[in-house]
Amino acid sequence: MALSMEEQQILTQIEVHLSENDPRLAHRLSELGTPRRRRRIALITALAVAGACVLTAAVATVVIVMS
């Protein structure tokens, strides 16, 4: 859904205001969609899933050995 001209102007004003008042936050928000950031998030997610798999396998092994 496209924004109206008025909505686009309001968003531009908000962006300018944010950049003037908190340039560090504005910079961090502008980086959210960058490929580097997405790659880092994907790597962290993959490591978390791999860790969960290893933990599940370890628990299953202990249960099998104990029974």
PDB file of N, CA and C in Angstrom:
ATOM      1  N   MET A   1       0.848  -1.172   0.000  1.00  0.00           N
ATOM      2  CA  MET A   1       0.000   0.000   0.000  1.00  0.00           C
ATOM      3  C   MET A   1       0.896   1.239   0.000  1.00  0.00           C
ATOM      4  N   ALA A   2       0.698   2.088  -0.960  1.00  0.00           N
ATOM      5  CA  ALA A   2       1.527   3.288  -1.103  1.00  0.00           C
ATOM      6  C   ALA A   2       1.096   4.364  -0.108  1.00  0.00           C
ATOM      7  N   LEU A   3       2.077   5.159   0.295  1.00  0.00           N
ATOM      8  CA  LEU A   3       1.794   6.269   1.205  1.00  0.00           C
ATOM      9  C   LEU A   3       1.364   7.491   0.414  1.00  0.00           C
ATOM     10  N   SER A   4       0.509   8.289   1.021  1.00  0.00           N
ATOM     11  CA  SER A   4       0.126   9.550   0.384  1.00  0.00           C
ATOM     12  C   SER A   4       1.292  10.526   0.480  1.00  0.00           C
ATOM     13  N   MET A   5       1.222  11.589  -0.286  1.00  0.00           N
ATOM     14  CA  MET A   5       2.283  12.602  -0.255  1.00  0.00           C
ATOM     15  C   MET A   5       2.422  13.193   1.146  1.00  0.00           C
ATOM     16  N   GLU A   6       1.304  13.407   1.811  1.00  0.00           N
ATOM     17  CA  GLU A   6       1.343  13.965   3.171  1.00  0.00           C
ATOM     18  C   GLU A   6       2.047  13.009   4.130  1.00  0.00           C
ATOM     19  N   GLU A   7       1.744  11.721   4.015  1.00  0.00           N
ATOM     20  CA  GLU A   7       2.386  10.729   4.874  1.00  0.00           C
ATOM     21  C   GLU A   7       3.886  10.642   4.592  1.00  0.00           C
ATOM     22  N   GLN A   8       4.265  10.719   3.320  1.00  0.00           N
ATOM     23  CA  GLN A   8       5.683  10.698   2.970  1.00  0.00           C
ATOM     24  C   GLN A   8       6.408  11.910   3.545  1.00  0.00           C
ATOM     25  N   GLN A   9       5.765  13.076   3.494  1.00  0.00           N
ATOM     26  CA  GLN A   9       6.371  14.289   4.047  1.00  0.00           C
ATOM     27  C   GLN A   9       6.533  14.175   5.557  1.00  0.00           C
ATOM     28  N   ILE A  10       5.530  13.618   6.215  1.00  0.00           N
ATOM     29  CA  ILE A  10       5.604  13.443   7.668  1.00  0.00           C
ATOM     30  C   ILE A  10       6.751  12.496   8.022  1.00  0.00           C
ATOM     31  N   LEU A  11       6.876  11.396   7.288  1.00  0.00           N
ATOM     32  CA  LEU A  11       7.973  10.456   7.546  1.00  0.00           C
ATOM     33  C   LEU A  11       9.333  11.100   7.300  1.00  0.00           C
ATOM     34  N   THR A  12       9.428  11.919   6.276  1.00  0.00           N
ATOM     35  CA  THR A  12      10.683  12.626   6.000  1.00  0.00           C
ATOM     36  C   THR A  12      11.015  13.577   7.135  1.00  0.00           C
ATOM     37  N   GLN A  13      10.018  14.285   7.645  1.00  0.00           N
ATOM     38  CA  GLN A  13      10.233  15.198   8.773  1.00  0.00           C
ATOM     39  C   GLN A  13      10.691  14.430  10.008  1.00  0.00           C
ATOM     40  N   ILE A  14      10.089  13.289  10.254  1.00  0.00           N
ATOM     41  CA  ILE A  14      10.490  12.464  11.401  1.00  0.00           C
ATOM     42  C   ILE A  14      11.940  12.011  11.237  1.00  0.00           C
ATOM     43  N   GLU A  15      12.295  11.589  10.029  1.00  0.00           N
ATOM     44  CA  GLU A  15      13.663  11.132   9.769  1.00  0.00           C
ATOM     45  C   GLU A  15      14.671  12.254   9.990  1.00  0.00           C
ATOM     46  N   VAL A  16      14.364  13.440   9.485  1.00  0.00           N
ATOM     47  CA  VAL A  16      15.263  14.589   9.660  1.00  0.00           C
ATOM     48  C   VAL A  16      15.387  14.933  11.134  1.00  0.00           C
ATOM     49  N   HIS A  17      14.265  14.947  11.836  1.00  0.00           N
ATOM     50  CA  HIS A  17      14.267  15.272  13.265  1.00  0.00           C
ATOM     51  C   HIS A  17      15.105  14.255  14.048  1.00  0.00           C
ATOM     52  N   LEU A  18      14.938  12.978  13.733  1.00  0.00           N
ATOM     53  CA  LEU A  18      15.709  11.936  14.411  1.00  0.00           C
ATOM     54  C   LEU A  18      17.198  12.088  14.124  1.00  0.00           C
ATOM     55  N   SER A  19      17.541  12.339  12.873  1.00  0.00           N
ATOM     56  CA  SER A  19      18.954  12.502  12.505  1.00  0.00           C
ATOM     57  C   SER A  19      19.595  13.677  13.223  1.00  0.00           C
ATOM     58  N   GLU A  20      18.834  14.736  13.421  1.00  0.00           N
ATOM     59  CA  GLU A  20      19.368  15.917  14.107  1.00  0.00           C
ATOM     60  C   GLU A  20      19.504  15.684  15.608  1.00  0.00           C
ATOM     61  N   ASN A  21      18.526  15.011  16.203  1.00  0.00           N
ATOM     62  CA  ASN A  21      18.503  14.861  17.659  1.00  0.00           C
ATOM     63  C   ASN A  21      19.294  13.660  18.172  1.00  0.00           C
ATOM     64  N   ASP A  22      19.345  12.600  17.403  1.00  0.00           N
ATOM     65  CA  ASP A  22      20.065  11.399  17.839  1.00  0.00           C
ATOM     66  C   ASP A  22      20.701  10.723  16.628  1.00  0.00           C
ATOM     67  N   PRO A  23      21.801  11.288  16.138  1.00  0.00           N
ATOM     68  CA  PRO A  23      22.412  10.737  14.925  1.00  0.00           C
ATOM     69  C   PRO A  23      22.896   9.296  15.088  1.00  0.00           C
ATOM     70  N   ARG A  24      23.301   8.935  16.286  1.00  0.00           N
ATOM     71  CA  ARG A  24      23.775   7.567  16.515  1.00  0.00           C
ATOM     72  C   ARG A  24      22.639   6.555  16.339  1.00  0.00           C
ATOM     73  N   LEU A  25      21.481   6.862  16.925  1.00  0.00           N
ATOM     74  CA  LEU A  25      20.316   5.990  16.763  1.00  0.00           C
ATOM     75  C   LEU A  25      19.871   5.953  15.305  1.00  0.00           C
ATOM     76  N   ALA A  26      19.872   7.097  14.653  1.00  0.00           N
ATOM     77  CA  ALA A  26      19.481   7.150  13.241  1.00  0.00           C
ATOM     78  C   ALA A  26      20.395   6.262  12.401  1.00  0.00           C
ATOM     79  N   HIS A  27      21.682   6.282  12.698  1.00  0.00           N
ATOM     80  CA  HIS A  27      22.637   5.443  11.964  1.00  0.00           C
ATOM     81  C   HIS A  27      22.357   3.963  12.214  1.00  0.00           C
ATOM     82  N   ARG A  28      22.108   3.603  13.462  1.00  0.00           N
ATOM     83  CA  ARG A  28      21.831   2.193  13.781  1.00  0.00           C
ATOM     84  C   ARG A  28      20.546   1.717  13.114  1.00  0.00           C
ATOM     85  N   LEU A  29      19.526   2.574  13.092  1.00  0.00           N
ATOM     86  CA  LEU A  29      18.272   2.194  12.448  1.00  0.00           C
ATOM     87  C   LEU A  29      18.442   2.055  10.939  1.00  0.00           C
ATOM     88  N   SER A  30      19.292   2.877  10.349  1.00  0.00           N
ATOM     89  CA  SER A  30      19.497   2.798   8.900  1.00  0.00           C
ATOM     90  C   SER A  30      20.241   1.526   8.510  1.00  0.00           C
ATOM     91  N   GLU A  31      20.975   0.920   9.438  1.00  0.00           N
ATOM     92  CA  GLU A  31      21.734  -0.303   9.155  1.00  0.00           C
ATOM     93  C   GLU A  31      20.920  -1.580   9.333  1.00  0.00           C
ATOM     94  N   LEU A  32      19.693  -1.484   9.823  1.00  0.00           N
ATOM     95  CA  LEU A  32      18.927  -2.690  10.138  1.00  0.00           C
ATOM     96  C   LEU A  32      18.718  -3.600   8.934  1.00  0.00           C
ATOM     97  N   GLY A  33      18.563  -3.053   7.754  1.00  0.00           N
ATOM     98  CA  GLY A  33      18.290  -3.885   6.594  1.00  0.00           C
ATOM     99  C   GLY A  33      19.507  -4.212   5.755  1.00  0.00           C
ATOM    100  N   THR A  34      20.694  -3.894   6.224  1.00  0.00           N
ATOM    101  CA  THR A  34      21.885  -4.119   5.411  1.00  0.00           C
ATOM    102  C   THR A  34      22.225  -5.602   5.340  1.00  0.00           C
ATOM    103  N   PRO A  35      22.826  -6.026   4.237  1.00  0.00           N
ATOM    104  CA  PRO A  35      23.179  -7.446   4.089  1.00  0.00           C
ATOM    105  C   PRO A  35      24.102  -7.952   5.196  1.00  0.00           C
ATOM    106  N   ARG A  36      25.035  -7.114   5.649  1.00  0.00           N
ATOM    107  CA  ARG A  36      25.961  -7.535   6.703  1.00  0.00           C
ATOM    108  C   ARG A  36      25.196  -7.870   7.980  1.00  0.00           C
ATOM    109  N   ARG A  37      24.256  -7.031   8.322  1.00  0.00           N
ATOM    110  CA  ARG A  37      23.463  -7.247   9.534  1.00  0.00           C
ATOM    111  C   ARG A  37      22.609  -8.508   9.395  1.00  0.00           C
ATOM    112  N   ARG A  38      21.984  -8.676   8.229  1.00  0.00           N
ATOM    113  CA  ARG A  38      21.156  -9.870   8.018  1.00  0.00           C
ATOM    114  C   ARG A  38      21.996 -11.135   8.072  1.00  0.00           C
ATOM    115  N   ARG A  39      23.207 -11.075   7.534  1.00  0.00           N
ATOM    116  CA  ARG A  39      24.106 -12.237   7.556  1.00  0.00           C
ATOM    117  C   ARG A  39      24.472 -12.590   8.995  1.00  0.00           C
ATOM    118  N   ARG A  40      24.739 -11.572   9.818  1.00  0.00           N
ATOM    119  CA  ARG A  40      25.085 -11.807  11.220  1.00  0.00           C
ATOM    120  C   ARG A  40      23.912 -12.441  11.960  1.00  0.00           C
ATOM    121  N   ILE A  41      22.712 -11.936  11.715  1.00  0.00           N
ATOM    122  CA  ILE A  41      21.527 -12.491  12.373  1.00  0.00           C
ATOM    123  C   ILE A  41      21.311 -13.938  11.932  1.00  0.00           C
ATOM    124  N   ALA A  42      21.509 -14.220  10.641  1.00  0.00           N
ATOM    125  CA  ALA A  42      21.361 -15.589  10.138  1.00  0.00           C
ATOM    126  C   ALA A  42      22.392 -16.517  10.774  1.00  0.00           C
ATOM    127  N   LEU A  43      23.619 -16.046  10.931  1.00  0.00           N
ATOM    128  CA  LEU A  43      24.669 -16.858  11.551  1.00  0.00           C
ATOM    129  C   LEU A  43      24.337 -17.159  13.010  1.00  0.00           C
ATOM    130  N   ILE A  44      23.905 -16.157  13.744  1.00  0.00           N
ATOM    131  CA  ILE A  44      23.547 -16.352  15.154  1.00  0.00           C
ATOM    132  C   ILE A  44      22.389 -17.336  15.272  1.00  0.00           C
ATOM    133  N   THR A  45      21.399 -17.206  14.393  1.00  0.00           N
ATOM    134  CA  THR A  45      20.257 -18.118  14.415  1.00  0.00           C
ATOM    135  C   THR A  45      20.692 -19.549  14.106  1.00  0.00           C
ATOM    136  N   ALA A  46      21.554 -19.704  13.106  1.00  0.00           N
ATOM    137  CA  ALA A  46      22.042 -21.042  12.749  1.00  0.00           C
ATOM    138  C   ALA A  46      22.827 -21.663  13.899  1.00  0.00           C
ATOM    139  N   LEU A  47      23.652 -20.871  14.567  1.00  0.00           N
ATOM    140  CA  LEU A  47      24.413 -21.387  15.706  1.00  0.00           C
ATOM    141  C   LEU A  47      23.491 -21.781  16.859  1.00  0.00           C
ATOM    142  N   ALA A  48      22.450 -21.006  17.085  1.00  0.00           N
ATOM    143  CA  ALA A  48      21.504 -21.337  18.153  1.00  0.00           C
ATOM    144  C   ALA A  48      20.776 -22.645  17.847  1.00  0.00           C
ATOM    145  N   VAL A  49      20.367 -22.826  16.601  1.00  0.00           N
ATOM    146  CA  VAL A  49      19.686 -24.068  16.209  1.00  0.00           C
ATOM    147  C   VAL A  49      20.642 -25.253  16.328  1.00  0.00           C
ATOM    148  N   ALA A  50      21.876 -25.083  15.882  1.00  0.00           N
ATOM    149  CA  ALA A  50      22.865 -26.159  15.994  1.00  0.00           C
ATOM    150  C   ALA A  50      23.118 -26.511  17.460  1.00  0.00           C
ATOM    151  N   GLY A  51      23.209 -25.509  18.307  1.00  0.00           N
ATOM    152  CA  GLY A  51      23.398 -25.752  19.735  1.00  0.00           C
ATOM    153  C   GLY A  51      22.233 -26.511  20.341  1.00  0.00           C
ATOM    154  N   ALA A  52      21.026 -26.157  19.945  1.00  0.00           N
ATOM    155  CA  ALA A  52      19.845 -26.860  20.446  1.00  0.00           C
ATOM    156  C   ALA A  52      19.847 -28.316  19.985  1.00  0.00           C
ATOM    157  N   CYS A  53      20.281 -28.557  18.758  1.00  0.00           N
ATOM    158  CA  CYS A  53      20.361 -29.937  18.250  1.00  0.00           C
ATOM    159  C   CYS A  53      21.390 -30.754  19.030  1.00  0.00           C
ATOM    160  N   VAL A  54      22.540 -30.169  19.288  1.00  0.00           N
ATOM    161  CA  VAL A  54      23.586 -30.863  20.053  1.00  0.00           C
ATOM    162  C   VAL A  54      23.090 -31.166  21.462  1.00  0.00           C
ATOM    163  N   LEU A  55      22.445 -30.214  22.082  1.00  0.00           N
ATOM    164  CA  LEU A  55      21.918 -30.415  23.431  1.00  0.00           C
ATOM    165  C   LEU A  55      20.868 -31.521  23.445  1.00  0.00           C
ATOM    166  N   THR A  56      19.979 -31.524  22.464  1.00  0.00           N
ATOM    167  CA  THR A  56      18.954 -32.563  22.378  1.00  0.00           C
ATOM    168  C   THR A  56      19.591 -33.937  22.180  1.00  0.00           C
ATOM    169  N   ALA A  57      20.594 -34.017  21.323  1.00  0.00           N
ATOM    170  CA  ALA A  57      21.280 -35.291  21.089  1.00  0.00           C
ATOM    171  C   ALA A  57      21.982 -35.770  22.354  1.00  0.00           C
ATOM    172  N   ALA A  58      22.584 -34.859  23.095  1.00  0.00           N
ATOM    173  CA  ALA A  58      23.273 -35.234  24.336  1.00  0.00           C
ATOM    174  C   ALA A  58      22.283 -35.771  25.363  1.00  0.00           C
ATOM    175  N   VAL A  59      21.161 -35.102  25.511  1.00  0.00           N
ATOM    176  CA  VAL A  59      20.146 -35.561  26.472  1.00  0.00           C
ATOM    177  C   VAL A  59      19.599 -36.918  26.040  1.00  0.00           C
ATOM    178  N   ALA A  60      19.337 -37.093  24.757  1.00  0.00           N
ATOM    179  CA  ALA A  60      18.824 -38.374  24.264  1.00  0.00           C
ATOM    180  C   ALA A  60      19.833 -39.490  24.506  1.00  0.00           C
ATOM    181  N   THR A  61      21.102 -39.208  24.313  1.00  0.00           N
ATOM    182  CA  THR A  61      22.151 -40.204  24.545  1.00  0.00           C
ATOM    183  C   THR A  61      22.197 -40.606  26.013  1.00  0.00           C
ATOM    184  N   VAL A  62      22.118 -39.639  26.897  1.00  0.00           N
ATOM    185  CA  VAL A  62      22.140 -39.933  28.333  1.00  0.00           C
ATOM    186  C   VAL A  62      20.924 -40.763  28.718  1.00  0.00           C
ATOM    187  N   VAL A  63      19.763 -40.430  28.194  1.00  0.00           N
ATOM    188  CA  VAL A  63      18.547 -41.184  28.512  1.00  0.00           C
ATOM    189  C   VAL A  63      18.667 -42.619  28.009  1.00  0.00           C
ATOM    190  N   ILE A  64      19.198 -42.801  26.818  1.00  0.00           N
ATOM    191  CA  ILE A  64      19.350 -44.152  26.258  1.00  0.00           C
ATOM    192  C   ILE A  64      20.364 -44.959  27.065  1.00  0.00           C
ATOM    193  N   VAL A  65      21.476 -44.352  27.444  1.00  0.00           N
ATOM    194  CA  VAL A  65      22.514 -45.052  28.204  1.00  0.00           C
ATOM    195  C   VAL A  65      22.005 -45.405  29.599  1.00  0.00           C
ATOM    196  N   MET A  66      21.229 -44.545  30.217  1.00  0.00           N
ATOM    197  CA  MET A  66      20.737 -44.775  31.583  1.00  0.00           C
ATOM    198  C   MET A  66      19.636 -45.829  31.639  1.00  0.00           C
ATOM    199  N   SER A  67      18.979 -46.086  30.519  1.00  0.00           N
ATOM    200  CA  SER A  67      17.858 -47.036  30.579  1.00  0.00           C
ATOM    201  C   SER A  67      18.243 -48.448  30.264  1.00  0.00           C
TER     202      SER A  67
END
